[in-house]
Amino acid sequence: MITNEPESGRLVGESHPLVEQDTPTFCYRLVGEGNGKVVAFLRDKGTTNALWPVVVALARAGSNLAIVADGPGEERLKESGLGFSRVLSVDDVSREGDLLLTLNQEVSTANVVLVGHSGDPGDLALVSTAKTTGAISVAIQDFPGYLFGVSVDKLSQNFEMIPDVICVPNEWSRERLVEVWPQKADQIFVTGSPAFDNLLDEEVHDSEYKSFRKNYEIAPDEKVIVWVGDDTGANLDAIRLLIAAVKEGNQKVKLVLRRHPNDKTPQSVYTQLISDTGIQNIVLETANLSMDSVRQAADLVVSIISTEILKATCEKTLAMAIMPPEIIEKSGHAGKRFSFAEDGTVAVVRDAQKVQEILKKVLSDFQYQEELRGKMGKLKIDGHATDRIVNLVKKLFG
C-alpha cells in the first residue's frame, strides 16, 4: 500500500496559480455512492485527453470527484452529462477567497489527487497541496519522456513536486524516469495511455480512411500525407521542407496540412505558402473534422514532435518526423529525447537535405515499411490503460 504522510508543502494560498490568470477557473463536484475521493485538474487539451477516460470511469463507478477545470477541461465537463455541479468560480472576485478555501478543503478530504504531465502551475500546486494533507498524488504521462512540461532527463533528482505515483505509456518512459528518480522505481507503473484506448477499432479506422478519400476526391493511386502542425517557430520551416520534398518527388500524393489548435499564424500566410508552391494537391481546410478522423485517413503522418505520431504508430500507420538540428533548435526541443526517435517505429529525418530521399523511401519501399511496422506497438496498447489506472486509484483509497 502506498501512503503519503503529510509533509512540508504549500497549501493553496493567495498566490495560487489558479487565481493568477486571465481564464476563469471553476471547481466542479460529483458526489458518488462509493468510497474514496479524487481531485483532478483539467485545463489544456493534452492533459484533458489524458485524464478524461479515467475521470469518466471513476464517475461511472460511483467515486466522489472534485474537478478543477477551465478551458478544454471545462468544455469536456459541460458536455459529459455525468452530473457534475459547479461549486465556485474565480471570475467572481469577491469570492476568490472562498474558491481558495474550497480547493484546500477538497484536497484535504481527498484520497487521491490526479494530474497530467503538462507542467501547468495548477498541476504542481495540487501536488504540493496533497503533500500537506496526506492525499496521494497520481500523475498520468501521456507523452513518453515528458513530465510537468519538460523532458524527464532535465528534471532534478531533488525535484520537490515528485508525484507519489506515476503512470507511463511504455517501458521506455519508465526507464527514463527511473534514471532520474531511482528511489521511485516501485511507484512508476507501465499502464499505457488512456487517451489511446480507443485506437484499436480497425473498423472505424477503415471507415474514416475511405470516407476522407471519397469526400476529398482522392484517386485510388494517390497517397495521403497528413502534416500535423505545432505551435512553435519551426512549424512553417518544416512545412516548407515537406512541400519541397513532395514537389521534388513527383509522386501521386495529396498533402493535408492540419494546423495545431494553438497556431496563431494568419490563414493568409498558409494560403500564400500553398500558392507559392504551385502544387494543386494540398488540402488546408479540415477544421470540420476531428484530428482522429484526419489522422486515420493518412497513408503517412508527418510532424516535428506530436502525440499524433505516437497514435499513428499505434494504429500501424506509417509516420515520419522532421527533426534536423535547425528545426529541433527552433522548435525548442534541442537536447530532448523522444521514444519514437529511438525505437525505430518512425522514419526520422535528421538532415534537411534528405527529406525527399526519406519521404520517397517511406512511401515506396515495401521492405522499409514492413521494418517500421514490425517495430510499432511499443506503447502498451490493448485498450485497457484506463482500467489499469482506475484499479490502481481504487487501491489507493485504502
Foldseek 3Di string as FASTA:
>chain_A
DDWADADAFDQQDPPQVQLPDDWKKWKKWDQFDDFFEEEEEDEDPVFCLQCVLLVVVCLVVGHIYIYIYTHPNVVCVVPVPSDIDIDDMSVPVVCVVVVSVVLLVRLLRGQEYEYEFQLPSNLQNSLRSNNRRTHAYEYEYLFAQGGNNDRLVPDALVPPSDGLAYEYFFPNSLVSNCVSHVVNNVRYHHLHTLSLLPLPPVVVLVVLQVVVCVVVVQDPQEFEEEEEADQFPLRVVVVLLLLVLCVVLPGRYAYEYHYDPNHPDDPVVVVVSVVVSVDDRYHYDDVVDDPSSSLSNHQEYEYADDSSQLSCLQNLRAYEHEAAPVSCVRRVNPPHDHPCVPQLLYHYHHDSVCSNVSVCCCVPVVVSSVSNNVRGPSTPHDSCSSVVVSVVVVVSSD
